PDB file of N, CA and C in Angstrom:
ATOM      1  N   MET A   1     156.741 240.321 199.679  1.00  0.00           N
ATOM      2  CA  MET A   1     157.414 240.958 198.569  1.00  0.00           C
ATOM      3  C   MET A   1     158.258 242.120 199.097  1.00  0.00           C
ATOM      4  N   THR A   2     159.404 242.291 198.492  1.00  0.00           N
ATOM      5  CA  THR A   2     160.251 243.416 198.864  1.00  0.00           C
ATOM      6  C   THR A   2     159.874 244.612 198.005  1.00  0.00           C
ATOM      7  N   ASP A   3     160.543 245.728 198.241  1.00  0.00           N
ATOM      8  CA  ASP A   3     160.226 246.949 197.500  1.00  0.00           C
ATOM      9  C   ASP A   3     160.487 246.815 195.999  1.00  0.00           C
ATOM     10  N   ASP A   4     161.474 246.004 195.624  1.00  0.00           N
ATOM     11  CA  ASP A   4     161.784 245.857 194.205  1.00  0.00           C
ATOM     12  C   ASP A   4     161.028 244.699 193.548  1.00  0.00           C
ATOM     13  N   GLY A   5     160.033 244.114 194.235  1.00  0.00           N
ATOM     14  CA  GLY A   5     159.174 243.101 193.634  1.00  0.00           C
ATOM     15  C   GLY A   5     159.640 241.673 193.819  1.00  0.00           C
ATOM     16  N   ARG A   6     160.770 241.454 194.480  1.00  0.00           N
ATOM     17  CA  ARG A   6     161.235 240.091 194.706  1.00  0.00           C
ATOM     18  C   ARG A   6     160.549 239.497 195.922  1.00  0.00           C
ATOM     19  N   ARG A   7     160.426 238.188 195.929  1.00  0.00           N
ATOM     20  CA  ARG A   7     159.838 237.501 197.077  1.00  0.00           C
ATOM     21  C   ARG A   7     160.844 237.448 198.206  1.00  0.00           C
ATOM     22  N   ARG A   8     160.363 237.581 199.431  1.00  0.00           N
ATOM     23  CA  ARG A   8     161.232 237.554 200.593  1.00  0.00           C
ATOM     24  C   ARG A   8     161.639 236.158 200.999  1.00  0.00           C
ATOM     25  N   ASP A   9     160.897 235.177 200.620  1.00  0.00           N
ATOM     26  CA  ASP A   9     161.142 233.830 201.122  1.00  0.00           C
ATOM     27  C   ASP A   9     162.218 233.075 200.356  1.00  0.00           C
ATOM     28  N   GLY A  10     163.058 233.757 199.631  1.00  0.00           N
ATOM     29  CA  GLY A  10     164.190 233.116 198.981  1.00  0.00           C
ATOM     30  C   GLY A  10     163.852 232.604 197.594  1.00  0.00           C
ATOM     31  N   PRO A  11     164.849 232.055 196.936  1.00  0.00           N
ATOM     32  CA  PRO A  11     164.636 231.563 195.572  1.00  0.00           C
ATOM     33  C   PRO A  11     163.718 230.352 195.562  1.00  0.00           C
ATOM     34  N   ARG A  12     162.875 230.264 194.568  1.00  0.00           N
ATOM     35  CA  ARG A  12     161.974 229.135 194.404  1.00  0.00           C
ATOM     36  C   ARG A  12     162.276 228.472 193.066  1.00  0.00           C
ATOM     37  N   LEU A  13     161.848 227.268 192.933  1.00  0.00           N
ATOM     38  CA  LEU A  13     162.087 226.478 191.733  1.00  0.00           C
ATOM     39  C   LEU A  13     160.941 226.707 190.765  1.00  0.00           C
ATOM     40  N   SER A  14     161.241 227.278 189.599  1.00  0.00           N
ATOM     41  CA  SER A  14     160.180 227.492 188.613  1.00  0.00           C
ATOM     42  C   SER A  14     159.826 226.167 187.942  1.00  0.00           C
ATOM     43  N   THR A  15     158.619 226.093 187.417  1.00  0.00           N
ATOM     44  CA  THR A  15     158.141 224.843 186.820  1.00  0.00           C
ATOM     45  C   THR A  15     158.988 224.390 185.636  1.00  0.00           C
ATOM     46  N   PRO A  16     159.323 225.273 184.675  1.00  0.00           N
ATOM     47  CA  PRO A  16     160.161 224.794 183.563  1.00  0.00           C
ATOM     48  C   PRO A  16     161.530 224.285 184.023  1.00  0.00           C
ATOM     49  N   VAL A  17     162.119 224.952 185.001  1.00  0.00           N
ATOM     50  CA  VAL A  17     163.421 224.515 185.510  1.00  0.00           C
ATOM     51  C   VAL A  17     163.280 223.171 186.203  1.00  0.00           C
ATOM     52  N   MET A  18     162.200 223.000 186.963  1.00  0.00           N
ATOM     53  CA  MET A  18     161.971 221.732 187.660  1.00  0.00           C
ATOM     54  C   MET A  18     161.793 220.593 186.661  1.00  0.00           C
ATOM     55  N   LEU A  19     161.002 220.812 185.638  1.00  0.00           N
ATOM     56  CA  LEU A  19     160.776 219.762 184.642  1.00  0.00           C
ATOM     57  C   LEU A  19     162.054 219.427 183.882  1.00  0.00           C
ATOM     58  N   LEU A  20     162.753 220.456 183.425  1.00  0.00           N
ATOM     59  CA  LEU A  20     163.991 220.230 182.682  1.00  0.00           C
ATOM     60  C   LEU A  20     165.050 219.579 183.572  1.00  0.00           C
ATOM     61  N   GLY A  21     165.174 220.060 184.814  1.00  0.00           N
ATOM     62  CA  GLY A  21     166.143 219.480 185.736  1.00  0.00           C
ATOM     63  C   GLY A  21     165.824 218.034 186.073  1.00  0.00           C
ATOM     64  N   GLY A  22     164.549 217.724 186.284  1.00  0.00           N
ATOM     65  CA  GLY A  22     164.151 216.354 186.584  1.00  0.00           C
ATOM     66  C   GLY A  22     164.453 215.403 185.438  1.00  0.00           C
ATOM     67  N   ILE A  23     164.149 215.840 184.236  1.00  0.00           N
ATOM     68  CA  ILE A  23     164.427 215.012 183.061  1.00  0.00           C
ATOM     69  C   ILE A  23     165.933 214.860 182.864  1.00  0.00           C
ATOM     70  N   LEU A  24     166.678 215.964 183.038  1.00  0.00           N
ATOM     71  CA  LEU A  24     168.128 215.913 182.859  1.00  0.00           C
ATOM     72  C   LEU A  24     168.790 214.989 183.886  1.00  0.00           C
ATOM     73  N   VAL A  25     168.398 215.103 185.135  1.00  0.00           N
ATOM     74  CA  VAL A  25     168.962 214.227 186.176  1.00  0.00           C
ATOM     75  C   VAL A  25     168.632 212.767 185.873  1.00  0.00           C
ATOM     76  N   THR A  26     167.401 212.516 185.437  1.00  0.00           N
ATOM     77  CA  THR A  26     167.001 211.148 185.105  1.00  0.00           C
ATOM     78  C   THR A  26     167.834 210.600 183.957  1.00  0.00           C
ATOM     79  N   VAL A  27     168.022 211.381 182.922  1.00  0.00           N
ATOM     80  CA  VAL A  27     168.800 210.931 181.762  1.00  0.00           C
ATOM     81  C   VAL A  27     170.249 210.658 182.160  1.00  0.00           C
ATOM     82  N   VAL A  28     170.832 211.537 182.962  1.00  0.00           N
ATOM     83  CA  VAL A  28     172.225 211.341 183.387  1.00  0.00           C
ATOM     84  C   VAL A  28     172.359 210.075 184.232  1.00  0.00           C
ATOM     85  N   VAL A  29     171.462 209.900 185.203  1.00  0.00           N
ATOM     86  CA  VAL A  29     171.540 208.719 186.068  1.00  0.00           C
ATOM     87  C   VAL A  29     171.325 207.441 185.264  1.00  0.00           C
ATOM     88  N   LEU A  30     170.339 207.447 184.373  1.00  0.00           N
ATOM     89  CA  LEU A  30     170.082 206.243 183.579  1.00  0.00           C
ATOM     90  C   LEU A  30     171.218 205.960 182.603  1.00  0.00           C
ATOM     91  N   SER A  31     171.818 206.997 182.034  1.00  0.00           N
ATOM     92  CA  SER A  31     172.957 206.799 181.128  1.00  0.00           C
ATOM     93  C   SER A  31     174.141 206.182 181.876  1.00  0.00           C
ATOM     94  N   LEU A  32     174.416 206.720 183.057  1.00  0.00           N
ATOM     95  CA  LEU A  32     175.496 206.146 183.860  1.00  0.00           C
ATOM     96  C   LEU A  32     175.166 204.725 184.296  1.00  0.00           C
ATOM     97  N   ASP A  33     173.898 204.482 184.596  1.00  0.00           N
ATOM     98  CA  ASP A  33     173.475 203.147 185.007  1.00  0.00           C
ATOM     99  C   ASP A  33     173.684 202.144 183.879  1.00  0.00           C
ATOM    100  N   LEU A  34     173.291 202.509 182.687  1.00  0.00           N
ATOM    101  CA  LEU A  34     173.453 201.599 181.548  1.00  0.00           C
ATOM    102  C   LEU A  34     174.922 201.451 181.170  1.00  0.00           C
ATOM    103  N   ALA A  35     175.709 202.506 181.366  1.00  0.00           N
ATOM    104  CA  ALA A  35     177.135 202.432 181.028  1.00  0.00           C
ATOM    105  C   ALA A  35     177.906 201.545 181.997  1.00  0.00           C
ATOM    106  N   THR A  36     177.500 201.506 183.259  1.00  0.00           N
ATOM    107  CA  THR A  36     178.219 200.691 184.242  1.00  0.00           C
ATOM    108  C   THR A  36     177.842 199.221 184.168  1.00  0.00           C
ATOM    109  N   GLY A  37     176.745 198.909 183.526  1.00  0.00           N
ATOM    110  CA  GLY A  37     176.340 197.514 183.408  1.00  0.00           C
ATOM    111  C   GLY A  37     175.592 197.039 184.637  1.00  0.00           C
ATOM    112  N   THR A  38     175.515 195.736 184.779  1.00  0.00           N
ATOM    113  CA  THR A  38     174.704 195.169 185.855  1.00  0.00           C
ATOM    114  C   THR A  38     175.424 195.097 187.190  1.00  0.00           C
ATOM    115  N   ALA A  39     176.704 195.406 187.224  1.00  0.00           N
ATOM    116  CA  ALA A  39     177.443 195.311 188.479  1.00  0.00           C
ATOM    117  C   ALA A  39     176.942 196.334 189.502  1.00  0.00           C
ATOM    118  N   VAL A  40     176.626 197.522 189.036  1.00  0.00           N
ATOM    119  CA  VAL A  40     176.148 198.591 189.924  1.00  0.00           C
ATOM    120  C   VAL A  40     174.913 199.207 189.290  1.00  0.00           C
ATOM    121  N   ARG A  41     173.811 199.195 190.020  1.00  0.00           N
ATOM    122  CA  ARG A  41     172.584 199.821 189.545  1.00  0.00           C
ATOM    123  C   ARG A  41     172.454 201.189 190.189  1.00  0.00           C
ATOM    124  N   LEU A  42     172.400 202.228 189.353  1.00  0.00           N
ATOM    125  CA  LEU A  42     172.351 203.594 189.864  1.00  0.00           C
ATOM    126  C   LEU A  42     170.951 204.200 189.848  1.00  0.00           C
ATOM    127  N   PHE A  43     170.026 203.623 189.075  1.00  0.00           N
ATOM    128  CA  PHE A  43     168.719 204.270 188.961  1.00  0.00           C
ATOM    129  C   PHE A  43     167.956 204.370 190.277  1.00  0.00           C
ATOM    130  N   PRO A  44     168.207 203.500 191.290  1.00  0.00           N
ATOM    131  CA  PRO A  44     167.534 203.738 192.577  1.00  0.00           C
ATOM    132  C   PRO A  44     167.957 205.041 193.254  1.00  0.00           C
ATOM    133  N   LEU A  45     169.080 205.637 192.835  1.00  0.00           N
ATOM    134  CA  LEU A  45     169.488 206.915 193.405  1.00  0.00           C
ATOM    135  C   LEU A  45     168.512 208.044 193.064  1.00  0.00           C
ATOM    136  N   LEU A  46     167.624 207.800 192.128  1.00  0.00           N
ATOM    137  CA  LEU A  46     166.603 208.809 191.800  1.00  0.00           C
ATOM    138  C   LEU A  46     165.665 209.055 192.978  1.00  0.00           C
ATOM    139  N   ILE A  47     165.733 208.215 194.004  1.00  0.00           N
ATOM    140  CA  ILE A  47     164.889 208.392 195.180  1.00  0.00           C
ATOM    141  C   ILE A  47     165.143 209.751 195.840  1.00  0.00           C
ATOM    142  N   PHE A  48     166.309 210.335 195.610  1.00  0.00           N
ATOM    143  CA  PHE A  48     166.643 211.631 196.211  1.00  0.00           C
ATOM    144  C   PHE A  48     166.083 212.819 195.435  1.00  0.00           C
ATOM    145  N   LEU A  49     165.605 212.609 194.226  1.00  0.00           N
ATOM    146  CA  LEU A  49     165.089 213.717 193.414  1.00  0.00           C
ATOM    147  C   LEU A  49     163.911 214.433 194.079  1.00  0.00           C
ATOM    148  N   PRO A  50     162.894 213.739 194.611  1.00  0.00           N
ATOM    149  CA  PRO A  50     161.812 214.469 195.283  1.00  0.00           C
ATOM    150  C   PRO A  50     162.286 215.265 196.502  1.00  0.00           C
ATOM    151  N   ALA A  51     163.276 214.776 197.217  1.00  0.00           N
ATOM    152  CA  ALA A  51     163.792 215.510 198.370  1.00  0.00           C
ATOM    153  C   ALA A  51     164.462 216.808 197.933  1.00  0.00           C
ATOM    154  N   ILE A  52     165.171 216.763 196.824  1.00  0.00           N
ATOM    155  CA  ILE A  52     165.806 217.974 196.299  1.00  0.00           C
ATOM    156  C   ILE A  52     164.739 218.965 195.858  1.00  0.00           C
ATOM    157  N   VAL A  53     163.718 218.472 195.161  1.00  0.00           N
ATOM    158  CA  VAL A  53     162.633 219.351 194.714  1.00  0.00           C
ATOM    159  C   VAL A  53     161.892 219.930 195.912  1.00  0.00           C
ATOM    160  N   SER A  54     161.716 219.148 196.973  1.00  0.00           N
ATOM    161  CA  SER A  54     160.983 219.652 198.142  1.00  0.00           C
ATOM    162  C   SER A  54     161.721 220.792 198.817  1.00  0.00           C
ATOM    163  N   ALA A  55     163.040 220.796 198.735  1.00  0.00           N
ATOM    164  CA  ALA A  55     163.814 221.878 199.349  1.00  0.00           C
ATOM    165  C   ALA A  55     163.710 223.171 198.558  1.00  0.00           C
ATOM    166  N   LEU A  56     163.478 223.075 197.265  1.00  0.00           N
ATOM    167  CA  LEU A  56     163.480 224.264 196.418  1.00  0.00           C
ATOM    168  C   LEU A  56     162.127 224.619 195.820  1.00  0.00           C
ATOM    169  N   GLY A  57     161.208 223.672 195.784  1.00  0.00           N
ATOM    170  CA  GLY A  57     159.960 223.878 195.063  1.00  0.00           C
ATOM    171  C   GLY A  57     158.742 223.874 195.943  1.00  0.00           C
ATOM    172  N   GLU A  58     157.616 223.732 195.299  1.00  0.00           N
ATOM    173  CA  GLU A  58     156.318 223.701 195.964  1.00  0.00           C
ATOM    174  C   GLU A  58     155.905 222.246 196.188  1.00  0.00           C
ATOM    175  N   VAL A  59     154.826 222.064 196.930  1.00  0.00           N
ATOM    176  CA  VAL A  59     154.361 220.717 197.263  1.00  0.00           C
ATOM    177  C   VAL A  59     153.966 219.957 196.001  1.00  0.00           C
ATOM    178  N   TRP A  60     153.225 220.603 195.096  1.00  0.00           N
ATOM    179  CA  TRP A  60     152.769 219.895 193.900  1.00  0.00           C
ATOM    180  C   TRP A  60     153.944 219.499 193.013  1.00  0.00           C
ATOM    181  N   GLN A  61     155.029 220.297 193.024  1.00  0.00           N
ATOM    182  CA  GLN A  61     156.215 219.932 192.253  1.00  0.00           C
ATOM    183  C   GLN A  61     156.894 218.707 192.873  1.00  0.00           C
ATOM    184  N   THR A  62     156.877 218.631 194.190  1.00  0.00           N
ATOM    185  CA  THR A  62     157.446 217.471 194.877  1.00  0.00           C
ATOM    186  C   THR A  62     156.642 216.216 194.575  1.00  0.00           C
ATOM    187  N   VAL A  63     155.326 216.336 194.568  1.00  0.00           N
ATOM    188  CA  VAL A  63     154.468 215.191 194.237  1.00  0.00           C
ATOM    189  C   VAL A  63     154.717 214.757 192.793  1.00  0.00           C
ATOM    190  N   LEU A  64     154.832 215.716 191.896  1.00  0.00           N
ATOM    191  CA  LEU A  64     155.103 215.400 190.488  1.00  0.00           C
ATOM    192  C   LEU A  64     156.450 214.685 190.341  1.00  0.00           C
ATOM    193  N   ALA A  65     157.469 215.160 191.042  1.00  0.00           N
ATOM    194  CA  ALA A  65     158.781 214.507 190.990  1.00  0.00           C
ATOM    195  C   ALA A  65     158.708 213.097 191.561  1.00  0.00           C
ATOM    196  N   SER A  66     157.913 212.911 192.608  1.00  0.00           N
ATOM    197  CA  SER A  66     157.758 211.581 193.211  1.00  0.00           C
ATOM    198  C   SER A  66     157.092 210.610 192.241  1.00  0.00           C
ATOM    199  N   VAL A  67     156.037 211.061 191.601  1.00  0.00           N
ATOM    200  CA  VAL A  67     155.344 210.214 190.620  1.00  0.00           C
ATOM    201  C   VAL A  67     156.280 209.882 189.466  1.00  0.00           C
ATOM    202  N   TRP A  68     157.036 210.864 189.008  1.00  0.00           N
ATOM    203  CA  TRP A  68     157.994 210.660 187.918  1.00  0.00           C
ATOM    204  C   TRP A  68     159.016 209.587 188.301  1.00  0.00           C
ATOM    205  N   VAL A  69     159.568 209.685 189.499  1.00  0.00           N
ATOM    206  CA  VAL A  69     160.585 208.733 189.954  1.00  0.00           C
ATOM    207  C   VAL A  69     159.997 207.330 190.074  1.00  0.00           C
ATOM    208  N   ILE A  70     158.780 207.217 190.568  1.00  0.00           N
ATOM    209  CA  ILE A  70     158.142 205.902 190.691  1.00  0.00           C
ATOM    210  C   ILE A  70     157.928 205.287 189.312  1.00  0.00           C
ATOM    211  N   LEU A  71     157.447 206.067 188.368  1.00  0.00           N
ATOM    212  CA  LEU A  71     157.241 205.556 187.006  1.00  0.00           C
ATOM    213  C   LEU A  71     158.555 205.124 186.363  1.00  0.00           C
ATOM    214  N   VAL A  72     159.598 205.940 186.531  1.00  0.00           N
ATOM    215  CA  VAL A  72     160.908 205.583 185.972  1.00  0.00           C
ATOM    216  C   VAL A  72     161.417 204.299 186.620  1.00  0.00           C
ATOM    217  N   GLU A  73     161.249 204.190 187.936  1.00  0.00           N
ATOM    218  CA  GLU A  73     161.679 202.978 188.657  1.00  0.00           C
ATOM    219  C   GLU A  73     160.989 201.737 188.106  1.00  0.00           C
ATOM    220  N   ILE A  74     159.690 201.818 187.905  1.00  0.00           N
ATOM    221  CA  ILE A  74     158.941 200.658 187.412  1.00  0.00           C
ATOM    222  C   ILE A  74     159.377 200.291 185.996  1.00  0.00           C
ATOM    223  N   VAL A  75     159.442 201.283 185.118  1.00  0.00           N
ATOM    224  CA  VAL A  75     159.788 201.013 183.713  1.00  0.00           C
ATOM    225  C   VAL A  75     161.212 200.479 183.595  1.00  0.00           C
ATOM    226  N   ILE A  76     162.169 201.123 184.237  1.00  0.00           N
ATOM    227  CA  ILE A  76     163.562 200.685 184.134  1.00  0.00           C
ATOM    228  C   ILE A  76     163.771 199.355 184.857  1.00  0.00           C
ATOM    229  N   GLY A  77     163.112 199.181 185.988  1.00  0.00           N
ATOM    230  CA  GLY A  77     163.228 197.906 186.700  1.00  0.00           C
ATOM    231  C   GLY A  77     162.763 196.744 185.854  1.00  0.00           C
ATOM    232  N   LEU A  78     161.655 196.917 185.180  1.00  0.00           N
ATOM    233  CA  LEU A  78     161.168 195.857 184.300  1.00  0.00           C
ATOM    234  C   LEU A  78     162.042 195.708 183.054  1.00  0.00           C
ATOM    235  N   TYR A  79     162.589 196.826 182.568  1.00  0.00           N
ATOM    236  CA  TYR A  79     163.456 196.789 181.388  1.00  0.00           C
ATOM    237  C   TYR A  79     164.735 195.999 181.655  1.00  0.00           C
ATOM    238  N   VAL A  80     165.310 196.176 182.852  1.00  0.00           N
ATOM    239  CA  VAL A  80     166.562 195.472 183.150  1.00  0.00           C
ATOM    240  C   VAL A  80     166.318 194.033 183.587  1.00  0.00           C
ATOM    241  N   GLY A  81     165.066 193.636 183.686  1.00  0.00           N
ATOM    242  CA  GLY A  81     164.756 192.253 183.983  1.00  0.00           C
ATOM    243  C   GLY A  81     164.626 191.918 185.458  1.00  0.00           C
ATOM    244  N   ALA A  82     164.394 192.907 186.271  1.00  0.00           N
ATOM    245  CA  ALA A  82     164.207 192.643 187.707  1.00  0.00           C
ATOM    246  C   ALA A  82     162.876 191.934 187.912  1.00  0.00           C
ATOM    247  N   GLN A  83     162.790 191.184 189.008  1.00  0.00           N
ATOM    248  CA  GLN A  83     161.544 190.489 189.305  1.00  0.00           C
ATOM    249  C   GLN A  83     160.475 191.512 189.683  1.00  0.00           C
ATOM    250  N   THR A  84     159.245 191.180 189.354  1.00  0.00           N
ATOM    251  CA  THR A  84     158.140 192.112 189.562  1.00  0.00           C
ATOM    252  C   THR A  84     157.981 192.501 191.021  1.00  0.00           C
ATOM    253  N   ASP A  85     158.130 191.544 191.931  1.00  0.00           N
ATOM    254  CA  ASP A  85     157.978 191.896 193.348  1.00  0.00           C
ATOM    255  C   ASP A  85     159.094 192.818 193.832  1.00  0.00           C
ATOM    256  N   ASP A  86     160.298 192.675 193.289  1.00  0.00           N
ATOM    257  CA  ASP A  86     161.390 193.592 193.634  1.00  0.00           C
ATOM    258  C   ASP A  86     161.121 194.999 193.112  1.00  0.00           C
ATOM    259  N   VAL A  87     160.587 195.068 191.898  1.00  0.00           N
ATOM    260  CA  VAL A  87     160.258 196.371 191.316  1.00  0.00           C
ATOM    261  C   VAL A  87     159.163 197.054 192.131  1.00  0.00           C
ATOM    262  N   LEU A  88     158.146 196.302 192.513  1.00  0.00           N
ATOM    263  CA  LEU A  88     157.058 196.879 193.302  1.00  0.00           C
ATOM    264  C   LEU A  88     157.522 197.294 194.698  1.00  0.00           C
ATOM    265  N   LEU A  89     158.417 196.521 195.285  1.00  0.00           N
ATOM    266  CA  LEU A  89     158.966 196.885 196.586  1.00  0.00           C
ATOM    267  C   LEU A  89     159.764 198.191 196.495  1.00  0.00           C
ATOM    268  N   ALA A  90     160.595 198.302 195.476  1.00  0.00           N
ATOM    269  CA  ALA A  90     161.374 199.532 195.288  1.00  0.00           C
ATOM    270  C   ALA A  90     160.453 200.721 195.012  1.00  0.00           C
ATOM    271  N   ALA A  91     159.411 200.492 194.205  1.00  0.00           N
ATOM    272  CA  ALA A  91     158.449 201.570 193.930  1.00  0.00           C
ATOM    273  C   ALA A  91     157.711 201.971 195.206  1.00  0.00           C
ATOM    274  N   GLY A  92     157.436 201.010 196.066  1.00  0.00           N
ATOM    275  CA  GLY A  92     156.796 201.315 197.346  1.00  0.00           C
ATOM    276  C   GLY A  92     157.686 202.164 198.241  1.00  0.00           C
ATOM    277  N   PHE A  93     158.984 201.824 198.301  1.00  0.00           N
ATOM    278  CA  PHE A  93     159.919 202.645 199.074  1.00  0.00           C
ATOM    279  C   PHE A  93     159.989 204.059 198.510  1.00  0.00           C
ATOM    280  N   MET A  94     160.021 204.156 197.193  1.00  0.00           N
ATOM    281  CA  MET A  94     160.074 205.477 196.576  1.00  0.00           C
ATOM    282  C   MET A  94     158.802 206.264 196.860  1.00  0.00           C
ATOM    283  N   ALA A  95     157.666 205.577 196.902  1.00  0.00           N
ATOM    284  CA  ALA A  95     156.410 206.261 197.234  1.00  0.00           C
ATOM    285  C   ALA A  95     156.424 206.764 198.669  1.00  0.00           C
ATOM    286  N   VAL A  96     156.955 205.962 199.590  1.00  0.00           N
ATOM    287  CA  VAL A  96     157.035 206.386 200.991  1.00  0.00           C
ATOM    288  C   VAL A  96     157.951 207.603 201.129  1.00  0.00           C
ATOM    289  N   PHE A  97     159.127 207.547 200.533  1.00  0.00           N
ATOM    290  CA  PHE A  97     160.051 208.673 200.629  1.00  0.00           C
ATOM    291  C   PHE A  97     159.530 209.896 199.867  1.00  0.00           C
ATOM    292  N   GLY A  98     158.820 209.674 198.775  1.00  0.00           N
ATOM    293  CA  GLY A  98     158.196 210.795 198.068  1.00  0.00           C
ATOM    294  C   GLY A  98     157.126 211.464 198.908  1.00  0.00           C
ATOM    295  N   THR A  99     156.346 210.656 199.628  1.00  0.00           N
ATOM    296  CA  THR A  99     155.317 211.201 200.519  1.00  0.00           C
ATOM    297  C   THR A  99     155.957 211.995 201.654  1.00  0.00           C
ATOM    298  N   LEU A 100     157.022 211.460 202.222  1.00  0.00           N
ATOM    299  CA  LEU A 100     157.732 212.186 203.276  1.00  0.00           C
ATOM    300  C   LEU A 100     158.332 213.492 202.756  1.00  0.00           C
ATOM    301  N   SER A 101     158.822 213.481 201.527  1.00  0.00           N
ATOM    302  CA  SER A 101     159.354 214.705 200.934  1.00  0.00           C
ATOM    303  C   SER A 101     158.257 215.738 200.737  1.00  0.00           C
ATOM    304  N   ALA A 102     157.087 215.287 200.279  1.00  0.00           N
ATOM    305  CA  ALA A 102     155.966 216.212 200.077  1.00  0.00           C
ATOM    306  C   ALA A 102     155.491 216.788 201.415  1.00  0.00           C
ATOM    307  N   LEU A 103     155.441 215.954 202.450  1.00  0.00           N
ATOM    308  CA  LEU A 103     155.053 216.451 203.779  1.00  0.00           C
ATOM    309  C   LEU A 103     156.084 217.439 204.314  1.00  0.00           C
ATOM    310  N   GLY A 104     157.355 217.139 204.112  1.00  0.00           N
ATOM    311  CA  GLY A 104     158.406 218.070 204.524  1.00  0.00           C
ATOM    312  C   GLY A 104     158.324 219.385 203.775  1.00  0.00           C
ATOM    313  N   CYS A 105     158.020 219.316 202.496  1.00  0.00           N
ATOM    314  CA  CYS A 105     157.863 220.525 201.702  1.00  0.00           C
ATOM    315  C   CYS A 105     156.669 221.333 202.192  1.00  0.00           C
ATOM    316  N   ARG A 106     155.582 220.656 202.500  1.00  0.00           N
ATOM    317  CA  ARG A 106     154.386 221.344 202.996  1.00  0.00           C
ATOM    318  C   ARG A 106     154.691 222.057 204.300  1.00  0.00           C
ATOM    319  N   TYR A 107     155.399 221.393 205.182  1.00  0.00           N
ATOM    320  CA  TYR A 107     155.791 222.011 206.445  1.00  0.00           C
ATOM    321  C   TYR A 107     156.709 223.207 206.200  1.00  0.00           C
ATOM    322  N   GLY A 108     157.696 223.026 205.324  1.00  0.00           N
ATOM    323  CA  GLY A 108     158.641 224.109 205.021  1.00  0.00           C
ATOM    324  C   GLY A 108     157.971 225.297 204.363  1.00  0.00           C
ATOM    325  N   CYS A 109     157.049 225.041 203.431  1.00  0.00           N
ATOM    326  CA  CYS A 109     156.328 226.132 202.775  1.00  0.00           C
ATOM    327  C   CYS A 109     155.479 226.896 203.779  1.00  0.00           C
ATOM    328  N   GLY A 110     154.858 226.190 204.712  1.00  0.00           N
ATOM    329  CA  GLY A 110     154.055 226.853 205.742  1.00  0.00           C
ATOM    330  C   GLY A 110     154.922 227.715 206.644  1.00  0.00           C
ATOM    331  N   ALA A 111     156.090 227.207 207.002  1.00  0.00           N
ATOM    332  CA  ALA A 111     157.003 227.982 207.850  1.00  0.00           C
ATOM    333  C   ALA A 111     157.498 229.214 207.120  1.00  0.00           C
ATOM    334  N   ARG A 112     157.779 229.093 205.822  1.00  0.00           N
ATOM    335  CA  ARG A 112     158.228 230.262 205.056  1.00  0.00           C
ATOM    336  C   ARG A 112     157.123 231.304 204.951  1.00  0.00           C
ATOM    337  N   ARG A 113     155.877 230.837 204.757  1.00  0.00           N
ATOM    338  CA  ARG A 113     154.772 231.797 204.675  1.00  0.00           C
ATOM    339  C   ARG A 113     154.570 232.540 205.992  1.00  0.00           C
ATOM    340  N   ARG A 114     154.692 231.834 207.094  1.00  0.00           N
ATOM    341  CA  ARG A 114     154.532 232.477 208.406  1.00  0.00           C
ATOM    342  C   ARG A 114     155.634 233.480 208.657  1.00  0.00           C
ATOM    343  N   CYS A 115     156.813 233.246 208.109  1.00  0.00           N
ATOM    344  CA  CYS A 115     157.957 234.111 208.378  1.00  0.00           C
ATOM    345  C   CYS A 115     158.125 235.208 207.330  1.00  0.00           C
ATOM    346  N   THR A 116     157.244 235.304 206.344  1.00  0.00           N
ATOM    347  CA  THR A 116     157.416 236.266 205.268  1.00  0.00           C
ATOM    348  C   THR A 116     157.491 237.691 205.803  1.00  0.00           C
ATOM    349  N   GLY A 117     156.653 238.023 206.759  1.00  0.00           N
ATOM    350  CA  GLY A 117     156.661 239.372 207.297  1.00  0.00           C
ATOM    351  C   GLY A 117     157.618 239.548 208.454  1.00  0.00           C
ATOM    352  N   CYS A 118     158.370 238.536 208.766  1.00  0.00           N
ATOM    353  CA  CYS A 118     159.267 238.562 209.910  1.00  0.00           C
ATOM    354  C   CYS A 118     160.490 239.396 209.603  1.00  0.00           C
ATOM    355  N   ALA A 119     160.903 240.246 210.525  1.00  0.00           N
ATOM    356  CA  ALA A 119     162.081 241.081 210.307  1.00  0.00           C
ATOM    357  C   ALA A 119     163.381 240.294 210.489  1.00  0.00           C
ATOM    358  N   ARG A 120     163.307 239.194 211.245  1.00  0.00           N
ATOM    359  CA  ARG A 120     164.493 238.392 211.473  1.00  0.00           C
ATOM    360  C   ARG A 120     164.782 237.516 210.264  1.00  0.00           C
ATOM    361  N   PRO A 121     166.023 237.066 210.085  1.00  0.00           N
ATOM    362  CA  PRO A 121     166.317 236.139 208.992  1.00  0.00           C
ATOM    363  C   PRO A 121     165.488 234.877 209.120  1.00  0.00           C
ATOM    364  N   ARG A 122     165.138 234.280 207.998  1.00  0.00           N
ATOM    365  CA  ARG A 122     164.256 233.112 207.973  1.00  0.00           C
ATOM    366  C   ARG A 122     164.809 231.955 208.799  1.00  0.00           C
ATOM    367  N   ARG A 123     166.100 231.726 208.784  1.00  0.00           N
ATOM    368  CA  ARG A 123     166.668 230.585 209.495  1.00  0.00           C
ATOM    369  C   ARG A 123     166.542 230.739 211.007  1.00  0.00           C
ATOM    370  N   ARG A 124     166.365 231.961 211.496  1.00  0.00           N
ATOM    371  CA  ARG A 124     166.217 232.198 212.932  1.00  0.00           C
ATOM    372  C   ARG A 124     164.752 232.298 213.351  1.00  0.00           C
ATOM    373  N   CYS A 125     163.876 232.455 212.404  1.00  0.00           N
ATOM    374  CA  CYS A 125     162.466 232.663 212.722  1.00  0.00           C
ATOM    375  C   CYS A 125     161.844 231.348 213.195  1.00  0.00           C
ATOM    376  N   SER A 126     161.189 231.395 214.312  1.00  0.00           N
ATOM    377  CA  SER A 126     160.603 230.173 214.871  1.00  0.00           C
ATOM    378  C   SER A 126     159.173 229.976 214.414  1.00  0.00           C
ATOM    379  N   GLY A 127     158.662 230.843 213.592  1.00  0.00           N
ATOM    380  CA  GLY A 127     157.321 230.676 213.067  1.00  0.00           C
ATOM    381  C   GLY A 127     156.346 231.400 213.910  1.00  0.00           C
TER     382      GLY A 127
END
């Protein structure tokens, strides 16, 4: 903490912002997906949502975003008539990338905690 009460480790993603942002991104992607028709499927792009949350949020927020994306993938995949094995394969890929995002977030959060008392800028701190 700094003298004025702010955290030294940079801006963090608050829970209400994370929830609202996740829902908003999902609605926008799904709206564009339905508007473009079957020629281009955009809902698999939600795979990047946990990675974005991992850069700004905590580990549990990244896990929550990963679970959200997997559920959306399954529901929308079945809604558009994709075969069950294709939906499960896509959900599996999303689970793998969500797990990697959570591990990356855990590593990043640990590095930020170690560098909190560091006088050097965070990007230069080796931990």
